[in-house]
C-alpha atoms as a PDB file:
ATOM      1  CA  MET A   1     -74.513 -78.646 -44.883  1.00  0.00           C
ATOM      2  CA  LEU A   2     -76.567 -77.615 -41.843  1.00  0.00           C
ATOM      3  CA  ILE A   3     -78.130 -74.188 -41.983  1.00  0.00           C
ATOM      4  CA  PRO A   4     -79.978 -72.859 -38.926  1.00  0.00           C
ATOM      5  CA  VAL A   5     -82.866 -70.940 -40.436  1.00  0.00           C
ATOM      6  CA  GLU A   6     -84.561 -69.550 -37.432  1.00  0.00           C
ATOM      7  CA  ARG A   7     -84.623 -69.815 -33.697  1.00  0.00           C
ATOM      8  CA  ALA A   8     -88.080 -71.347 -33.875  1.00  0.00           C
ATOM      9  CA  HIS A   9     -88.693 -74.455 -31.859  1.00  0.00           C
ATOM     10  CA  ARG A  10     -91.228 -77.142 -32.289  1.00  0.00           C
ATOM     11  CA  LYS A  11     -92.794 -79.064 -29.482  1.00  0.00           C
ATOM     12  CA  LEU A  12     -92.574 -82.841 -29.725  1.00  0.00           C
ATOM     13  CA  GLY A  13     -94.285 -84.535 -26.822  1.00  0.00           C
ATOM     14  CA  THR A  14     -92.936 -82.767 -23.765  1.00  0.00           C
ATOM     15  CA  GLU A  15     -89.626 -81.764 -25.349  1.00  0.00           C
ATOM     16  CA  ILE A  16     -89.041 -78.461 -27.130  1.00  0.00           C
ATOM     17  CA  MET A  17     -86.843 -79.137 -30.156  1.00  0.00           C
ATOM     18  CA  PRO A  18     -84.772 -76.640 -32.172  1.00  0.00           C
ATOM     19  CA  LYS A  19     -85.694 -76.444 -35.835  1.00  0.00           C
ATOM     20  CA  ILE A  20     -83.039 -76.628 -38.577  1.00  0.00           C
ATOM     21  CA  THR A  21     -83.041 -76.875 -42.348  1.00  0.00           C
ATOM     22  CA  LEU A  22     -80.690 -79.139 -44.265  1.00  0.00           C
ATOM     23  CA  ALA A  23     -79.354 -78.361 -47.717  1.00  0.00           C
ATOM     24  CA  VAL A  24     -78.473 -81.642 -49.442  1.00  0.00           C
ATOM     25  CA  SER A  25     -77.671 -82.679 -52.986  1.00  0.00           C
ATOM     26  CA  SER A  26     -80.474 -83.867 -55.250  1.00  0.00           C
ATOM     27  CA  THR A  27     -78.928 -87.325 -55.254  1.00  0.00           C
ATOM     28  CA  ALA A  28     -78.866 -87.526 -51.465  1.00  0.00           C
ATOM     29  CA  TYR A  29     -82.465 -86.304 -51.257  1.00  0.00           C
ATOM     30  CA  GLU A  30     -83.655 -88.857 -53.815  1.00  0.00           C
ATOM     31  CA  LYS A  31     -81.936 -91.632 -51.848  1.00  0.00           C
ATOM     32  CA  LEU A  32     -83.556 -90.373 -48.638  1.00  0.00           C
ATOM     33  CA  GLN A  33     -86.941 -90.332 -50.366  1.00  0.00           C
ATOM     34  CA  ARG A  34     -86.520 -93.915 -51.602  1.00  0.00           C
ATOM     35  CA  ARG A  35     -85.408 -95.157 -48.194  1.00  0.00           C
ATOM     36  CA  ALA A  36     -88.192 -93.266 -46.409  1.00  0.00           C
ATOM     37  CA  ARG A  37     -90.795 -94.631 -48.829  1.00  0.00           C
ATOM     38  CA  HIS A  38     -89.419 -98.149 -48.286  1.00  0.00           C
ATOM     39  CA  LEU A  39     -89.631 -97.719 -44.501  1.00  0.00           C
ATOM     40  CA  GLY A  40     -93.023 -96.019 -44.634  1.00  0.00           C
ATOM     41  CA  LYS A  41     -91.729 -92.870 -42.929  1.00  0.00           C
ATOM     42  CA  PRO A  42     -91.691 -89.207 -43.905  1.00  0.00           C
ATOM     43  CA  VAL A  43     -88.329 -87.989 -45.248  1.00  0.00           C
ATOM     44  CA  GLU A  44     -88.108 -85.510 -42.380  1.00  0.00           C
ATOM     45  CA  LYS A  45     -88.506 -88.242 -39.734  1.00  0.00           C
ATOM     46  CA  LEU A  46     -85.917 -90.486 -41.386  1.00  0.00           C
ATOM     47  CA  SER A  47     -83.480 -87.552 -41.687  1.00  0.00           C
ATOM     48  CA  GLN A  48     -83.975 -86.740 -38.011  1.00  0.00           C
ATOM     49  CA  GLU A  49     -83.307 -90.362 -37.015  1.00  0.00           C
ATOM     50  CA  ILE A  50     -80.146 -90.553 -39.131  1.00  0.00           C
ATOM     51  CA  LEU A  51     -78.834 -87.233 -37.784  1.00  0.00           C
ATOM     52  CA  GLU A  52     -79.569 -88.140 -34.168  1.00  0.00           C
ATOM     53  CA  ALA A  53     -77.951 -91.574 -34.621  1.00  0.00           C
ATOM     54  CA  SER A  54     -74.854 -89.894 -36.025  1.00  0.00           C
ATOM     55  CA  VAL A  55     -74.576 -87.504 -33.088  1.00  0.00           C
ATOM     56  CA  ARG A  56     -75.227 -90.308 -30.604  1.00  0.00           C
ATOM     57  CA  ASP A  57     -72.329 -92.259 -32.195  1.00  0.00           C
ATOM     58  CA  GLU A  58     -70.075 -89.229 -31.860  1.00  0.00           C
ATOM     59  CA  LEU A  59     -70.913 -88.870 -28.180  1.00  0.00           C
ATOM     60  CA  GLY A  60     -70.022 -92.500 -27.602  1.00  0.00           C
ATOM     61  CA  GLU A  61     -73.450 -93.512 -26.364  1.00  0.00           C
ATOM     62  CA  PRO A  62     -73.872 -97.290 -26.520  1.00  0.00           C
ATOM     63  CA  ARG A  63     -76.227 -98.626 -29.192  1.00  0.00           C
ATOM     64  CA  SER A  64     -77.410-102.040 -30.196  1.00  0.00           C
ATOM     65  CA  ALA A  65     -76.797-103.473 -33.655  1.00  0.00           C
ATOM     66  CA  ALA A  66     -80.547-103.295 -34.289  1.00  0.00           C
ATOM     67  CA  GLU A  67     -80.584 -99.542 -33.519  1.00  0.00           C
ATOM     68  CA  ILE A  68     -77.669 -98.917 -35.861  1.00  0.00           C
ATOM     69  CA  LEU A  69     -79.227-100.909 -38.711  1.00  0.00           C
ATOM     70  CA  GLU A  70     -82.651 -99.329 -38.167  1.00  0.00           C
ATOM     71  CA  ALA A  71     -81.203 -95.806 -38.191  1.00  0.00           C
ATOM     72  CA  ALA A  72     -79.437 -96.607 -41.459  1.00  0.00           C
ATOM     73  CA  GLY A  73     -82.710 -97.851 -42.940  1.00  0.00           C
ATOM     74  CA  LEU A  74     -81.386-101.390 -43.234  1.00  0.00           C
ATOM     75  CA  LEU A  75     -83.740-102.976 -40.699  1.00  0.00           C
ATOM     76  CA  VAL A  76     -87.491-102.821 -40.462  1.00  0.00           C
ATOM     77  CA  HIS A  77     -89.711-104.584 -37.986  1.00  0.00           C
ATOM     78  CA  MET A  78     -92.099-107.285 -39.151  1.00  0.00           C
ATOM     79  CA  SER A  79     -95.727-106.287 -39.337  1.00  0.00           C
ATOM     80  CA  ALA A  80     -98.260-108.077 -37.136  1.00  0.00           C
ATOM     81  CA  ALA A  81     -99.756-109.681 -40.258  1.00  0.00           C
ATOM     82  CA  LEU A  82     -96.371-111.095 -41.233  1.00  0.00           C
ATOM     83  CA  ARG A  83     -95.707-112.375 -37.717  1.00  0.00           C
ATOM     84  CA  GLU A  84     -99.030-114.245 -37.797  1.00  0.00           C
ATOM     85  CA  MET A  85     -97.850-116.132 -40.898  1.00  0.00           C
ATOM     86  CA  ILE A  86     -94.913-117.713 -39.046  1.00  0.00           C
ATOM     87  CA  ILE A  87     -95.410-121.385 -38.205  1.00  0.00           C
ATOM     88  CA  PRO A  88     -93.113-121.990 -35.212  1.00  0.00           C
ATOM     89  CA  ASP A  89     -92.823-125.805 -35.549  1.00  0.00           C
ATOM     90  CA  VAL A  90     -91.571-125.775 -39.159  1.00  0.00           C
ATOM     91  CA  PRO A  91     -87.771-126.135 -39.356  1.00  0.00           C
ATOM     92  CA  LEU A  92     -85.807-123.773 -41.592  1.00  0.00           C
ATOM     93  CA  ASP A  93     -84.585-126.705 -43.729  1.00  0.00           C
ATOM     94  CA  GLU A  94     -88.194-127.571 -44.635  1.00  0.00           C
ATOM     95  CA  VAL A  95     -88.947-123.976 -45.557  1.00  0.00           C
ATOM     96  CA  ARG A  96     -85.867-123.792 -47.786  1.00  0.00           C
ATOM     97  CA  ALA A  97     -86.758-127.095 -49.459  1.00  0.00           C
ATOM     98  CA  ALA A  98     -90.323-125.933 -50.108  1.00  0.00           C
ATOM     99  CA  MET A  99     -89.143-122.585 -51.472  1.00  0.00           C
ATOM    100  CA  SER A 100     -86.659-124.239 -53.840  1.00  0.00           C
ATOM    101  CA  THR A 101     -89.335-126.447 -55.422  1.00  0.00           C
ATOM    102  CA  THR A 102     -91.923-123.754 -56.114  1.00  0.00           C
ATOM    103  CA  GLU A 103     -92.652-122.562 -59.620  1.00  0.00           C
ATOM    104  CA  GLY A 104     -92.111-119.037 -60.828  1.00  0.00           C
ATOM    105  CA  PRO A 105     -89.330-116.532 -60.241  1.00  0.00           C
ATOM    106  CA  SER A 106     -87.036-116.801 -57.215  1.00  0.00           C
ATOM    107  CA  LEU A 107     -87.438-114.401 -54.320  1.00  0.00           C
ATOM    108  CA  SER A 108     -84.220-112.652 -55.397  1.00  0.00           C
ATOM    109  CA  ASP A 109     -85.646-112.112 -58.887  1.00  0.00           C
ATOM    110  CA  ILE A 110     -88.870-110.723 -57.436  1.00  0.00           C
ATOM    111  CA  VAL A 111     -86.963-108.287 -55.197  1.00  0.00           C
ATOM    112  CA  LEU A 112     -84.780-107.133 -58.088  1.00  0.00           C
ATOM    113  CA  GLN A 113     -87.835-106.640 -60.285  1.00  0.00           C
ATOM    114  CA  GLN A 114     -89.601-104.590 -57.580  1.00  0.00           C
ATOM    115  CA  ARG A 115     -86.534-102.386 -57.067  1.00  0.00           C
ATOM    116  CA  GLY A 116     -86.497-101.476 -60.738  1.00  0.00           C
ATOM    117  CA  PRO A 117     -83.490-100.414 -62.763  1.00  0.00           C
ATOM    118  CA  THR A 118     -80.449 -99.254 -60.841  1.00  0.00           C
ATOM    119  CA  GLY A 119     -77.987 -96.591 -61.786  1.00  0.00           C
END
């Protein structure tokens, strides 16, 4: 539920923006916190992006698939350090073969372990 608290505005760059407060369930807030932490963003910034993406959809403004996924917290950009690790001349088949012969847990197992218990 959106609750306008005051008519205060905050300046962001050259744009004056209205200020609102959102009342959300504890569950929704915890999910926002997890997603924001995963994306390395403050909860407030992520909430703003999600809200603005929702309104943009409603107004029928065109968006790319990347924008939609990013707004939903399902897409993050690779860091410069990660980009530097890419070897352009190595085919995907070779990477998959190398990954399947390594010792230790699979990447899926590592991801699941890092996520922790669900539910």
